[in-house]
């Protein structure tokens, strides 16, 4: 297996913990770096931060919002990306009309909850829709997610929500992707559906679509062994 420097990009309010269950499988073959977004308030700015600290050429995997950031990295510097993995994510801009307003209102409600009742209260409200329903009683899983989200601050949350509400539409970018690409989704992800991932994979020539059974949005935490296998297979593909 060829070794590629690997940059892992966490999603909204997530940190290294969202990737931690995969590291034991990935690190023996690959030098792994987990990106941090800080107070960056746009997806292109998050991508710029990654490019400023990443190796000259690297494999790139993003989960949820991190997948959108990975697309921005490709948009800015495709020559530096050897492999691309998009996990439980999306590529469209904010929808127009009622659908977009509903998303905006839902995100701003959570931000207000974080500001008034604290990050952990917000996490307990939000995260329950992010995992397979059967896992809601899994206390170690859920408490780990709550702890991770609560480590962030309302200021970080506001910056990242602003970035998502201003996200670029990258529908036309997908056809430009020419490196080995994995599109992976929890089969029961209700936040970013399998249908969306089928659409995304269909727009990327030669991509591989993997749907992970019995899994919601938090695939790296819910089914780390299946996700690790998919990532290792992806990384074994030689760059085009």
C-alpha atoms as a PDB file:
ATOM      1  CA  UNK A   1       0.000   0.000   0.000  1.00  0.00           C
ATOM      2  CA  UNK A   2       1.326   3.427  -0.935  1.00  0.00           C
ATOM      3  CA  UNK A   3       1.645   5.906   1.890  1.00  0.00           C
ATOM      4  CA  UNK A   4      -0.058   9.279   1.503  1.00  0.00           C
ATOM      5  CA  UNK A   5      -0.075  12.170   3.966  1.00  0.00           C
ATOM      6  CA  UNK A   6      -3.705  12.345   5.057  1.00  0.00           C
ATOM      7  CA  UNK A   7      -5.634  15.423   6.195  1.00  0.00           C
ATOM      8  CA  UNK A   8      -8.907  14.737   8.027  1.00  0.00           C
ATOM      9  CA  UNK A   9     -11.418  17.585   8.205  1.00  0.00           C
ATOM     10  CA  UNK A  10     -14.021  17.558  11.006  1.00  0.00           C
ATOM     11  CA  UNK A  11     -17.519  18.913  10.617  1.00  0.00           C
ATOM     12  CA  UNK A  12     -19.626  21.423  12.501  1.00  0.00           C
ATOM     13  CA  UNK A  13     -18.393  21.778  16.116  1.00  0.00           C
ATOM     14  CA  UNK A  14     -16.404  18.546  15.815  1.00  0.00           C
ATOM     15  CA  UNK A  15     -12.726  18.111  16.673  1.00  0.00           C
ATOM     16  CA  UNK A  16     -10.126  15.345  16.574  1.00  0.00           C
ATOM     17  CA  UNK A  17     -12.431  13.105  18.614  1.00  0.00           C
ATOM     18  CA  UNK A  18     -14.699  12.546  15.596  1.00  0.00           C
ATOM     19  CA  UNK A  19     -11.772  10.866  13.801  1.00  0.00           C
ATOM     20  CA  UNK A  20     -10.132   9.225  16.796  1.00  0.00           C
ATOM     21  CA  UNK A  21     -11.731   5.759  16.396  1.00  0.00           C
ATOM     22  CA  UNK A  22     -10.160   5.499  12.915  1.00  0.00           C
ATOM     23  CA  UNK A  23      -6.604   6.499  13.788  1.00  0.00           C
ATOM     24  CA  UNK A  24      -5.393   3.073  14.895  1.00  0.00           C
ATOM     25  CA  UNK A  25      -6.250   1.710  11.448  1.00  0.00           C
ATOM     26  CA  UNK A  26      -4.974   4.691   9.444  1.00  0.00           C
ATOM     27  CA  UNK A  27      -1.775   5.748  11.185  1.00  0.00           C
ATOM     28  CA  UNK A  28       0.362   2.643  10.594  1.00  0.00           C
ATOM     29  CA  UNK A  29       0.397   3.443   6.859  1.00  0.00           C
ATOM     30  CA  UNK A  30      -0.264   7.182   6.734  1.00  0.00           C
ATOM     31  CA  UNK A  31       0.851  10.395   8.406  1.00  0.00           C
ATOM     32  CA  UNK A  32      -2.411  11.859   9.676  1.00  0.00           C
ATOM     33  CA  UNK A  33      -3.232  15.484  10.436  1.00  0.00           C
ATOM     34  CA  UNK A  34      -6.631  16.621  11.751  1.00  0.00           C
ATOM     35  CA  UNK A  35      -7.622  20.127  10.676  1.00  0.00           C
ATOM     36  CA  UNK A  36      -8.882  22.765  13.091  1.00  0.00           C
ATOM     37  CA  UNK A  37     -11.185  25.558  11.960  1.00  0.00           C
ATOM     38  CA  UNK A  38     -10.793  28.004  14.828  1.00  0.00           C
ATOM     39  CA  UNK A  39     -12.968  31.067  14.316  1.00  0.00           C
ATOM     40  CA  UNK A  40     -12.923  30.937  10.518  1.00  0.00           C
ATOM     41  CA  UNK A  41     -16.339  32.101   9.358  1.00  0.00           C
ATOM     42  CA  UNK A  42     -16.394  30.911   5.749  1.00  0.00           C
ATOM     43  CA  UNK A  43     -15.751  27.573   4.078  1.00  0.00           C
ATOM     44  CA  UNK A  44     -13.138  29.078   1.702  1.00  0.00           C
ATOM     45  CA  UNK A  45     -11.285  30.537   4.705  1.00  0.00           C
ATOM     46  CA  UNK A  46     -11.264  27.121   6.379  1.00  0.00           C
ATOM     47  CA  UNK A  47      -9.822  25.656   3.175  1.00  0.00           C
ATOM     48  CA  UNK A  48      -7.132  28.342   3.079  1.00  0.00           C
ATOM     49  CA  UNK A  49      -6.081  27.403   6.614  1.00  0.00           C
ATOM     50  CA  UNK A  50      -5.735  23.759   5.616  1.00  0.00           C
ATOM     51  CA  UNK A  51      -3.666  24.595   2.557  1.00  0.00           C
ATOM     52  CA  UNK A  52      -1.383  26.841   4.602  1.00  0.00           C
ATOM     53  CA  UNK A  53      -0.333  23.984   6.895  1.00  0.00           C
ATOM     54  CA  UNK A  54      -0.766  20.845   4.765  1.00  0.00           C
ATOM     55  CA  UNK A  55       2.014  18.964   2.933  1.00  0.00           C
ATOM     56  CA  UNK A  56       2.626  19.863  -0.709  1.00  0.00           C
ATOM     57  CA  UNK A  57       0.403  16.955  -1.821  1.00  0.00           C
ATOM     58  CA  UNK A  58      -1.960  15.019   0.398  1.00  0.00           C
ATOM     59  CA  UNK A  59      -5.065  12.849   0.604  1.00  0.00           C
ATOM     60  CA  UNK A  60      -8.079  14.690   1.977  1.00  0.00           C
ATOM     61  CA  UNK A  61     -11.145  13.356   3.808  1.00  0.00           C
ATOM     62  CA  UNK A  62     -13.931  15.540   5.170  1.00  0.00           C
ATOM     63  CA  UNK A  63     -16.952  14.630   7.255  1.00  0.00           C
ATOM     64  CA  UNK A  64     -20.199  16.646   7.200  1.00  0.00           C
ATOM     65  CA  UNK A  65     -19.252  20.347   7.024  1.00  0.00           C
ATOM     66  CA  UNK A  66     -15.702  19.086   6.630  1.00  0.00           C
ATOM     67  CA  UNK A  67     -16.686  17.511   3.321  1.00  0.00           C
ATOM     68  CA  UNK A  68     -17.805  20.903   2.091  1.00  0.00           C
ATOM     69  CA  UNK A  69     -14.479  22.347   3.242  1.00  0.00           C
ATOM     70  CA  UNK A  70     -12.697  19.577   1.346  1.00  0.00           C
ATOM     71  CA  UNK A  71     -14.519  20.659  -1.818  1.00  0.00           C
ATOM     72  CA  UNK A  72     -13.266  24.206  -1.215  1.00  0.00           C
ATOM     73  CA  UNK A  73      -9.707  22.874  -0.916  1.00  0.00           C
ATOM     74  CA  UNK A  74     -10.172  21.158  -4.280  1.00  0.00           C
ATOM     75  CA  UNK A  75     -11.572  24.373  -5.761  1.00  0.00           C
ATOM     76  CA  UNK A  76      -8.546  26.368  -4.580  1.00  0.00           C
ATOM     77  CA  UNK A  77      -5.680  23.911  -5.161  1.00  0.00           C
ATOM     78  CA  UNK A  78      -6.669  20.703  -6.971  1.00  0.00           C
ATOM     79  CA  UNK A  79      -3.062  19.975  -7.885  1.00  0.00           C
ATOM     80  CA  UNK A  80      -2.245  19.422  -4.212  1.00  0.00           C
ATOM     81  CA  UNK A  81      -4.945  16.786  -3.560  1.00  0.00           C
ATOM     82  CA  UNK A  82      -4.051  13.163  -4.377  1.00  0.00           C
ATOM     83  CA  UNK A  83      -7.270  11.557  -3.076  1.00  0.00           C
ATOM     84  CA  UNK A  84     -10.625  12.964  -1.949  1.00  0.00           C
ATOM     85  CA  UNK A  85     -13.172  11.429   0.445  1.00  0.00           C
ATOM     86  CA  UNK A  86     -16.553  13.035   1.136  1.00  0.00           C
ATOM     87  CA  UNK A  87     -18.395  11.578   4.146  1.00  0.00           C
ATOM     88  CA  UNK A  88     -21.995  12.367   5.154  1.00  0.00           C
ATOM     89  CA  UNK A  89     -21.868  15.743   3.468  1.00  0.00           C
ATOM     90  CA  UNK A  90     -23.354  17.855   0.669  1.00  0.00           C
ATOM     91  CA  UNK A  91     -22.444  20.131  -2.196  1.00  0.00           C
ATOM     92  CA  UNK A  92     -25.443  22.412  -2.766  1.00  0.00           C
ATOM     93  CA  UNK A  93     -25.775  25.997  -1.606  1.00  0.00           C
ATOM     94  CA  UNK A  94     -28.513  27.130   0.745  1.00  0.00           C
ATOM     95  CA  UNK A  95     -31.850  26.402  -0.905  1.00  0.00           C
ATOM     96  CA  UNK A  96     -34.030  29.274  -1.960  1.00  0.00           C
ATOM     97  CA  UNK A  97     -37.457  29.968  -0.522  1.00  0.00           C
ATOM     98  CA  UNK A  98     -39.113  28.134   2.336  1.00  0.00           C
ATOM     99  CA  UNK A  99     -36.617  25.246   2.442  1.00  0.00           C
ATOM    100  CA  UNK A 100     -33.667  27.573   2.907  1.00  0.00           C
ATOM    101  CA  UNK A 101     -35.480  29.687   5.464  1.00  0.00           C
ATOM    102  CA  UNK A 102     -36.372  26.569   7.427  1.00  0.00           C
ATOM    103  CA  UNK A 103     -32.710  25.537   7.529  1.00  0.00           C
ATOM    104  CA  UNK A 104     -31.642  29.034   8.563  1.00  0.00           C
ATOM    105  CA  UNK A 105     -34.234  29.149  11.345  1.00  0.00           C
ATOM    106  CA  UNK A 106     -33.272  25.710  12.625  1.00  0.00           C
ATOM    107  CA  UNK A 107     -29.585  26.569  12.791  1.00  0.00           C
ATOM    108  CA  UNK A 108     -30.201  29.921  14.450  1.00  0.00           C
ATOM    109  CA  UNK A 109     -32.497  28.277  17.007  1.00  0.00           C
ATOM    110  CA  UNK A 110     -29.643  25.994  18.038  1.00  0.00           C
ATOM    111  CA  UNK A 111     -27.253  28.931  18.245  1.00  0.00           C
ATOM    112  CA  UNK A 112     -29.674  30.777  20.499  1.00  0.00           C
ATOM    113  CA  UNK A 113     -30.005  27.682  22.681  1.00  0.00           C
ATOM    114  CA  UNK A 114     -26.213  27.473  22.948  1.00  0.00           C
ATOM    115  CA  UNK A 115     -26.028  31.119  24.003  1.00  0.00           C
ATOM    116  CA  UNK A 116     -28.832  30.953  26.552  1.00  0.00           C
ATOM    117  CA  UNK A 117     -28.567  27.436  28.006  1.00  0.00           C
ATOM    118  CA  UNK A 118     -25.022  26.418  27.130  1.00  0.00           C
ATOM    119  CA  UNK A 119     -23.272  24.264  24.573  1.00  0.00           C
ATOM    120  CA  UNK A 120     -24.074  20.974  26.269  1.00  0.00           C
ATOM    121  CA  UNK A 121     -27.805  21.687  26.342  1.00  0.00           C
ATOM    122  CA  UNK A 122     -27.617  22.523  22.654  1.00  0.00           C
ATOM    123  CA  UNK A 123     -25.640  19.336  21.980  1.00  0.00           C
ATOM    124  CA  UNK A 124     -28.247  17.186  23.718  1.00  0.00           C
ATOM    125  CA  UNK A 125     -30.951  18.761  21.580  1.00  0.00           C
ATOM    126  CA  UNK A 126     -29.120  18.580  18.258  1.00  0.00           C
ATOM    127  CA  UNK A 127     -27.110  15.363  18.399  1.00  0.00           C
ATOM    128  CA  UNK A 128     -30.087  13.075  18.945  1.00  0.00           C
ATOM    129  CA  UNK A 129     -31.005  13.490  15.281  1.00  0.00           C
ATOM    130  CA  UNK A 130     -27.466  12.743  14.171  1.00  0.00           C
ATOM    131  CA  UNK A 131     -27.192   9.035  14.984  1.00  0.00           C
ATOM    132  CA  UNK A 132     -29.085   5.886  14.096  1.00  0.00           C
ATOM    133  CA  UNK A 133     -32.174   5.701  16.359  1.00  0.00           C
ATOM    134  CA  UNK A 134     -30.985   2.387  17.800  1.00  0.00           C
ATOM    135  CA  UNK A 135     -27.886   4.109  19.183  1.00  0.00           C
ATOM    136  CA  UNK A 136     -29.679   6.727  21.244  1.00  0.00           C
ATOM    137  CA  UNK A 137     -29.438   4.457  24.276  1.00  0.00           C
ATOM    138  CA  UNK A 138     -25.687   3.947  23.798  1.00  0.00           C
ATOM    139  CA  UNK A 139     -24.498   6.147  26.640  1.00  0.00           C
ATOM    140  CA  UNK A 140     -20.738   6.081  25.823  1.00  0.00           C
ATOM    141  CA  UNK A 141     -21.432   7.059  22.200  1.00  0.00           C
ATOM    142  CA  UNK A 142     -23.904   9.814  23.033  1.00  0.00           C
ATOM    143  CA  UNK A 143     -21.942  11.238  25.967  1.00  0.00           C
ATOM    144  CA  UNK A 144     -18.827  11.320  23.790  1.00  0.00           C
ATOM    145  CA  UNK A 145     -20.693  13.313  21.148  1.00  0.00           C
ATOM    146  CA  UNK A 146     -22.141  15.688  23.752  1.00  0.00           C
ATOM    147  CA  UNK A 147     -18.687  16.193  25.286  1.00  0.00           C
ATOM    148  CA  UNK A 148     -17.136  16.941  21.888  1.00  0.00           C
ATOM    149  CA  UNK A 149     -19.763  19.494  20.908  1.00  0.00           C
ATOM    150  CA  UNK A 150     -19.640  21.105  24.357  1.00  0.00           C
ATOM    151  CA  UNK A 151     -15.888  21.709  24.010  1.00  0.00           C
ATOM    152  CA  UNK A 152     -16.664  24.338  21.382  1.00  0.00           C
ATOM    153  CA  UNK A 153     -17.903  27.819  22.231  1.00  0.00           C
ATOM    154  CA  UNK A 154     -20.932  29.790  21.052  1.00  0.00           C
ATOM    155  CA  UNK A 155     -18.491  32.041  19.185  1.00  0.00           C
ATOM    156  CA  UNK A 156     -17.143  29.077  17.195  1.00  0.00           C
ATOM    157  CA  UNK A 157     -20.697  27.864  16.631  1.00  0.00           C
ATOM    158  CA  UNK A 158     -21.753  31.278  15.300  1.00  0.00           C
ATOM    159  CA  UNK A 159     -18.774  31.426  12.934  1.00  0.00           C
ATOM    160  CA  UNK A 160     -19.432  27.950  11.562  1.00  0.00           C
ATOM    161  CA  UNK A 161     -23.171  28.472  11.179  1.00  0.00           C
ATOM    162  CA  UNK A 162     -22.414  31.660   9.289  1.00  0.00           C
ATOM    163  CA  UNK A 163     -20.071  29.696   7.033  1.00  0.00           C
ATOM    164  CA  UNK A 164     -22.719  27.082   6.308  1.00  0.00           C
ATOM    165  CA  UNK A 165     -25.469  29.601   5.623  1.00  0.00           C
ATOM    166  CA  UNK A 166     -23.147  31.352   3.137  1.00  0.00           C
ATOM    167  CA  UNK A 167     -21.830  28.143   1.598  1.00  0.00           C
ATOM    168  CA  UNK A 168     -21.014  28.145  -2.117  1.00  0.00           C
ATOM    169  CA  UNK A 169     -22.956  25.878  -4.430  1.00  0.00           C
ATOM    170  CA  UNK A 170     -20.405  23.381  -5.738  1.00  0.00           C
ATOM    171  CA  UNK A 171     -22.674  21.434  -8.098  1.00  0.00           C
ATOM    172  CA  UNK A 172     -20.559  22.288 -11.142  1.00  0.00           C
ATOM    173  CA  UNK A 173     -17.270  21.645  -9.326  1.00  0.00           C
ATOM    174  CA  UNK A 174     -17.905  17.926  -8.930  1.00  0.00           C
ATOM    175  CA  UNK A 175     -17.300  17.168 -12.604  1.00  0.00           C
ATOM    176  CA  UNK A 176     -13.774  18.602 -12.284  1.00  0.00           C
ATOM    177  CA  UNK A 177     -12.664  16.046  -9.691  1.00  0.00           C
ATOM    178  CA  UNK A 178     -10.122  13.713 -11.269  1.00  0.00           C
ATOM    179  CA  UNK A 179      -8.503  11.932  -8.300  1.00  0.00           C
ATOM    180  CA  UNK A 180      -9.629   8.711  -6.564  1.00  0.00           C
ATOM    181  CA  UNK A 181     -12.787   9.775  -4.749  1.00  0.00           C
ATOM    182  CA  UNK A 182     -14.800   8.049  -2.035  1.00  0.00           C
ATOM    183  CA  UNK A 183     -18.371   9.154  -1.361  1.00  0.00           C
ATOM    184  CA  UNK A 184     -19.541   7.545   1.888  1.00  0.00           C
ATOM    185  CA  UNK A 185     -22.762   7.856   3.846  1.00  0.00           C
ATOM    186  CA  UNK A 186     -24.486   6.228   6.765  1.00  0.00           C
ATOM    187  CA  UNK A 187     -27.426   4.374   5.224  1.00  0.00           C
ATOM    188  CA  UNK A 188     -29.839   5.895   7.736  1.00  0.00           C
ATOM    189  CA  UNK A 189     -28.343   9.397   7.723  1.00  0.00           C
ATOM    190  CA  UNK A 190     -31.413  11.631   7.946  1.00  0.00           C
ATOM    191  CA  UNK A 191     -29.382  14.852   7.864  1.00  0.00           C
ATOM    192  CA  UNK A 192     -27.534  14.224   4.582  1.00  0.00           C
ATOM    193  CA  UNK A 193     -29.296  11.371   2.859  1.00  0.00           C
ATOM    194  CA  UNK A 194     -28.038   8.424   0.862  1.00  0.00           C
ATOM    195  CA  UNK A 195     -29.972   9.757  -2.138  1.00  0.00           C
ATOM    196  CA  UNK A 196     -27.911  12.949  -2.013  1.00  0.00           C
ATOM    197  CA  UNK A 197     -24.714  10.888  -1.928  1.00  0.00           C
ATOM    198  CA  UNK A 198     -25.817   8.812  -4.914  1.00  0.00           C
ATOM    199  CA  UNK A 199     -26.347  12.070  -6.784  1.00  0.00           C
ATOM    200  CA  UNK A 200     -22.940  13.357  -5.712  1.00  0.00           C
ATOM    201  CA  UNK A 201     -21.145  10.157  -6.687  1.00  0.00           C
ATOM    202  CA  UNK A 202     -22.868  10.214 -10.061  1.00  0.00           C
ATOM    203  CA  UNK A 203     -21.392  13.642 -10.762  1.00  0.00           C
ATOM    204  CA  UNK A 204     -17.793  12.582  -9.969  1.00  0.00           C
ATOM    205  CA  UNK A 205     -16.280  10.401 -12.672  1.00  0.00           C
ATOM    206  CA  UNK A 206     -14.920   7.111 -11.357  1.00  0.00           C
ATOM    207  CA  UNK A 207     -15.942   7.738  -7.756  1.00  0.00           C
ATOM    208  CA  UNK A 208     -16.788   4.942  -5.327  1.00  0.00           C
ATOM    209  CA  UNK A 209     -20.039   5.103  -3.348  1.00  0.00           C
ATOM    210  CA  UNK A 210     -20.176   3.312   0.000  1.00  0.00           C
ATOM    211  CA  UNK A 211     -23.262   3.261   2.208  1.00  0.00           C
ATOM    212  CA  UNK A 212     -22.651   2.035   5.733  1.00  0.00           C
ATOM    213  CA  UNK A 213     -25.470  -0.096   7.175  1.00  0.00           C
ATOM    214  CA  UNK A 214     -27.083   0.650  10.524  1.00  0.00           C
ATOM    215  CA  UNK A 215     -25.491   4.092  10.629  1.00  0.00           C
ATOM    216  CA  UNK A 216     -26.662   7.675  10.899  1.00  0.00           C
ATOM    217  CA  UNK A 217     -24.785  10.910  10.262  1.00  0.00           C
ATOM    218  CA  UNK A 218     -21.903  10.358  12.698  1.00  0.00           C
ATOM    219  CA  UNK A 219     -20.404   7.509  10.710  1.00  0.00           C
ATOM    220  CA  UNK A 220     -16.870   7.685  12.109  1.00  0.00           C
ATOM    221  CA  UNK A 221     -18.194   7.259  15.646  1.00  0.00           C
ATOM    222  CA  UNK A 222     -21.095   4.903  14.936  1.00  0.00           C
ATOM    223  CA  UNK A 223     -19.361   2.444  12.593  1.00  0.00           C
ATOM    224  CA  UNK A 224     -15.611   3.166  12.734  1.00  0.00           C
ATOM    225  CA  UNK A 225     -14.506  -0.273  11.508  1.00  0.00           C
ATOM    226  CA  UNK A 226     -16.576  -0.061   8.320  1.00  0.00           C
ATOM    227  CA  UNK A 227     -15.445   3.509   7.667  1.00  0.00           C
ATOM    228  CA  UNK A 228     -11.799   2.582   8.279  1.00  0.00           C
ATOM    229  CA  UNK A 229     -12.023  -0.268   5.764  1.00  0.00           C
ATOM    230  CA  UNK A 230     -13.515   2.046   3.162  1.00  0.00           C
ATOM    231  CA  UNK A 231     -10.846   4.691   3.737  1.00  0.00           C
ATOM    232  CA  UNK A 232      -7.994   2.201   3.529  1.00  0.00           C
ATOM    233  CA  UNK A 233      -9.348   0.816   0.261  1.00  0.00           C
ATOM    234  CA  UNK A 234      -9.672   4.372  -1.088  1.00  0.00           C
ATOM    235  CA  UNK A 235      -6.136   5.261  -0.073  1.00  0.00           C
ATOM    236  CA  UNK A 236      -4.800   2.166  -1.827  1.00  0.00           C
ATOM    237  CA  UNK A 237      -5.946   3.520  -5.205  1.00  0.00           C
ATOM    238  CA  UNK A 238      -3.121   5.065  -7.166  1.00  0.00           C
ATOM    239  CA  UNK A 239      -3.655   8.737  -8.088  1.00  0.00           C
ATOM    240  CA  UNK A 240      -4.744   9.296 -11.649  1.00  0.00           C
END
